[in-house]
Amino acid sequence: MENTLQTYHNVLRLKKLKIKTGLSGASIYNKLNPKCKYFDASFPRPIKLGSSAVGWLESEIDAWLGSRRELS
């Protein structure tokens, strides 16, 4: 019998991402836009879930939030 390690990733849609980060939807998308003065290259990129649906990996968001705590 072979043991395999399965990793499950929680994906946050925008509504839950806003709750978890405390950021508005506009602020999140400003952090993703390189042309915006609020651009944050360290902010996790969304992953494509479908033709018009995106989400963010919760583990990446948790790591980003942790890095914010270290800076403050």
N, C-alpha and C. Protein backbone atom coordinates (compact mmCIF):
# COMPACT_ATOMS: atom_id res chain seq x y z
N MET A 1 0.85 -1.18 0.00
CA MET A 1 0.00 0.00 0.00
C MET A 1 0.89 1.25 0.00
N GLU A 2 0.63 2.13 -0.90
CA GLU A 2 1.45 3.33 -1.05
C GLU A 2 0.81 4.50 -0.30
N ASN A 3 1.63 5.20 0.48
CA ASN A 3 1.15 6.39 1.18
C ASN A 3 1.41 7.61 0.30
N THR A 4 0.39 8.39 0.09
CA THR A 4 0.56 9.62 -0.67
C THR A 4 0.10 10.79 0.18
N LEU A 5 0.80 11.86 0.03
CA LEU A 5 0.47 13.08 0.75
C LEU A 5 -0.45 13.92 -0.13
N GLN A 6 -1.64 14.16 0.36
CA GLN A 6 -2.58 14.98 -0.40
C GLN A 6 -2.65 16.35 0.25
N THR A 7 -2.54 17.36 -0.57
CA THR A 7 -2.63 18.72 -0.09
C THR A 7 -3.90 19.35 -0.62
N TYR A 8 -4.66 19.92 0.27
CA TYR A 8 -5.88 20.60 -0.13
C TYR A 8 -5.67 22.09 0.01
N HIS A 9 -6.09 22.81 -0.99
CA HIS A 9 -5.95 24.25 -0.99
C HIS A 9 -7.32 24.90 -0.92
N ASN A 10 -7.49 25.77 0.05
CA ASN A 10 -8.72 26.54 0.11
C ASN A 10 -8.58 27.73 -0.83
N VAL A 11 -9.60 27.96 -1.60
CA VAL A 11 -9.62 29.09 -2.53
C VAL A 11 -10.63 30.10 -2.02
N LEU A 12 -10.17 31.34 -1.90
CA LEU A 12 -11.05 32.41 -1.45
C LEU A 12 -11.56 33.19 -2.65
N ARG A 13 -12.85 33.34 -2.72
CA ARG A 13 -13.41 34.23 -3.73
C ARG A 13 -13.35 35.64 -3.17
N LEU A 14 -13.64 36.63 -3.98
CA LEU A 14 -13.46 38.03 -3.61
C LEU A 14 -14.18 38.41 -2.31
N LYS A 15 -15.39 37.95 -2.14
CA LYS A 15 -16.17 38.30 -0.94
C LYS A 15 -15.43 37.87 0.34
N LYS A 16 -14.95 36.64 0.36
CA LYS A 16 -14.24 36.15 1.56
C LYS A 16 -12.86 36.77 1.67
N LEU A 17 -12.23 37.07 0.53
CA LEU A 17 -10.92 37.73 0.55
C LEU A 17 -11.04 39.12 1.18
N LYS A 18 -12.11 39.82 0.85
CA LYS A 18 -12.32 41.16 1.43
C LYS A 18 -12.49 41.06 2.94
N ILE A 19 -13.21 40.06 3.40
CA ILE A 19 -13.42 39.88 4.84
C ILE A 19 -12.10 39.54 5.52
N LYS A 20 -11.34 38.63 4.93
CA LYS A 20 -10.09 38.17 5.55
C LYS A 20 -9.04 39.27 5.61
N THR A 21 -8.94 40.08 4.56
CA THR A 21 -7.89 41.11 4.51
C THR A 21 -8.35 42.45 5.07
N GLY A 22 -9.64 42.69 5.09
CA GLY A 22 -10.15 43.99 5.50
C GLY A 22 -10.03 45.04 4.41
N LEU A 23 -9.71 44.60 3.20
CA LEU A 23 -9.57 45.51 2.06
C LEU A 23 -10.84 45.52 1.23
N SER A 24 -11.08 46.62 0.54
CA SER A 24 -12.21 46.67 -0.38
C SER A 24 -11.83 45.98 -1.68
N GLY A 25 -12.82 45.69 -2.49
CA GLY A 25 -12.56 45.09 -3.79
C GLY A 25 -11.68 45.98 -4.65
N ALA A 26 -11.94 47.28 -4.63
CA ALA A 26 -11.13 48.21 -5.42
C ALA A 26 -9.69 48.22 -4.94
N SER A 27 -9.48 48.17 -3.63
CA SER A 27 -8.11 48.17 -3.09
C SER A 27 -7.37 46.90 -3.50
N ILE A 28 -8.06 45.78 -3.50
CA ILE A 28 -7.44 44.53 -3.91
C ILE A 28 -6.99 44.61 -5.36
N TYR A 29 -7.87 45.08 -6.23
CA TYR A 29 -7.51 45.16 -7.64
C TYR A 29 -6.48 46.25 -7.90
N ASN A 30 -6.44 47.31 -7.09
CA ASN A 30 -5.38 48.32 -7.21
C ASN A 30 -4.02 47.71 -6.86
N LYS A 31 -3.98 46.82 -5.88
CA LYS A 31 -2.73 46.15 -5.51
C LYS A 31 -2.23 45.24 -6.63
N LEU A 32 -3.11 44.81 -7.50
CA LEU A 32 -2.74 43.92 -8.60
C LEU A 32 -2.38 44.68 -9.88
N ASN A 33 -2.69 45.96 -9.95
CA ASN A 33 -2.51 46.75 -11.16
C ASN A 33 -1.16 47.48 -11.14
N PRO A 34 -0.22 47.08 -11.99
CA PRO A 34 1.11 47.72 -11.99
C PRO A 34 1.08 49.21 -12.35
N LYS A 35 0.01 49.67 -12.98
CA LYS A 35 -0.09 51.07 -13.35
C LYS A 35 -0.62 51.95 -12.21
N CYS A 36 -1.09 51.32 -11.14
CA CYS A 36 -1.68 52.04 -10.02
C CYS A 36 -0.60 52.37 -8.98
N LYS A 37 -0.73 53.52 -8.35
CA LYS A 37 0.26 53.90 -7.33
C LYS A 37 0.18 53.00 -6.09
N TYR A 38 -0.89 52.24 -5.93
CA TYR A 38 -1.05 51.33 -4.80
C TYR A 38 -0.63 49.90 -5.13
N PHE A 39 0.00 49.72 -6.29
CA PHE A 39 0.44 48.39 -6.72
C PHE A 39 1.35 47.77 -5.66
N ASP A 40 1.14 46.49 -5.40
CA ASP A 40 1.95 45.75 -4.43
C ASP A 40 2.36 44.44 -5.09
N ALA A 41 3.63 44.39 -5.51
CA ALA A 41 4.12 43.20 -6.21
C ALA A 41 4.08 41.96 -5.34
N SER A 42 4.04 42.14 -4.03
CA SER A 42 4.02 40.98 -3.13
C SER A 42 2.61 40.43 -2.90
N PHE A 43 1.60 41.16 -3.35
CA PHE A 43 0.22 40.69 -3.16
C PHE A 43 -0.03 39.48 -4.06
N PRO A 44 -0.60 38.41 -3.51
CA PRO A 44 -0.82 37.19 -4.30
C PRO A 44 -1.70 37.42 -5.53
N ARG A 45 -1.33 36.77 -6.61
CA ARG A 45 -2.08 36.85 -7.86
C ARG A 45 -3.28 35.89 -7.78
N PRO A 46 -4.37 36.28 -8.39
CA PRO A 46 -5.53 35.37 -8.42
C PRO A 46 -5.26 34.20 -9.37
N ILE A 47 -5.97 33.12 -9.13
CA ILE A 47 -5.91 31.97 -10.04
C ILE A 47 -7.23 31.89 -10.78
N LYS A 48 -7.17 31.47 -12.01
CA LYS A 48 -8.37 31.37 -12.84
C LYS A 48 -9.13 30.10 -12.47
N LEU A 49 -10.41 30.25 -12.18
CA LEU A 49 -11.25 29.12 -11.82
C LEU A 49 -12.20 28.72 -12.94
N GLY A 50 -12.44 29.63 -13.83
CA GLY A 50 -13.35 29.38 -14.94
C GLY A 50 -13.19 30.48 -15.95
N SER A 51 -14.13 30.59 -16.86
CA SER A 51 -14.00 31.59 -17.92
C SER A 51 -14.04 33.02 -17.38
N SER A 52 -14.78 33.25 -16.30
CA SER A 52 -14.82 34.60 -15.74
C SER A 52 -14.76 34.59 -14.21
N ALA A 53 -14.22 33.53 -13.65
CA ALA A 53 -14.15 33.41 -12.19
C ALA A 53 -12.69 33.28 -11.75
N VAL A 54 -12.35 34.02 -10.70
CA VAL A 54 -11.01 33.93 -10.13
C VAL A 54 -11.12 33.73 -8.63
N GLY A 55 -10.03 33.28 -8.04
CA GLY A 55 -9.96 33.11 -6.60
C GLY A 55 -8.51 33.22 -6.17
N TRP A 56 -8.29 33.31 -4.89
CA TRP A 56 -6.96 33.43 -4.32
C TRP A 56 -6.71 32.26 -3.38
N LEU A 57 -5.52 31.70 -3.41
CA LEU A 57 -5.19 30.62 -2.50
C LEU A 57 -5.06 31.18 -1.09
N GLU A 58 -5.79 30.60 -0.16
CA GLU A 58 -5.80 31.11 1.21
C GLU A 58 -4.41 31.04 1.83
N SER A 59 -3.63 30.02 1.51
CA SER A 59 -2.28 29.91 2.07
C SER A 59 -1.39 31.08 1.63
N GLU A 60 -1.55 31.53 0.38
CA GLU A 60 -0.77 32.67 -0.11
C GLU A 60 -1.23 33.96 0.56
N ILE A 61 -2.52 34.10 0.79
CA ILE A 61 -3.04 35.28 1.48
C ILE A 61 -2.55 35.30 2.92
N ASP A 62 -2.57 34.14 3.59
CA ASP A 62 -2.07 34.06 4.96
C ASP A 62 -0.59 34.45 5.03
N ALA A 63 0.20 34.00 4.08
CA ALA A 63 1.63 34.35 4.04
C ALA A 63 1.80 35.85 3.82
N TRP A 64 1.00 36.42 2.93
CA TRP A 64 1.08 37.86 2.67
C TRP A 64 0.71 38.66 3.92
N LEU A 65 -0.36 38.23 4.60
CA LEU A 65 -0.76 38.91 5.83
C LEU A 65 0.34 38.80 6.88
N GLY A 66 0.98 37.65 6.97
CA GLY A 66 2.08 37.46 7.91
C GLY A 66 3.24 38.40 7.61
N SER A 67 3.53 38.60 6.34
CA SER A 67 4.61 39.52 5.97
C SER A 67 4.25 40.96 6.30
N ARG A 68 2.97 41.30 6.27
CA ARG A 68 2.52 42.64 6.64
C ARG A 68 2.74 42.87 8.13
N ARG A 69 2.49 41.83 8.93
CA ARG A 69 2.68 41.94 10.38
C ARG A 69 4.16 42.18 10.71
N GLU A 70 5.04 41.50 9.97
CA GLU A 70 6.47 41.65 10.21
C GLU A 70 6.96 43.06 9.89
N LEU A 71 6.33 43.71 8.91
CA LEU A 71 6.74 45.06 8.52
C LEU A 71 6.27 46.12 9.51
N SER A 72 5.22 45.82 10.25
CA SER A 72 4.68 46.84 11.16
C SER A 72 5.33 46.81 12.52
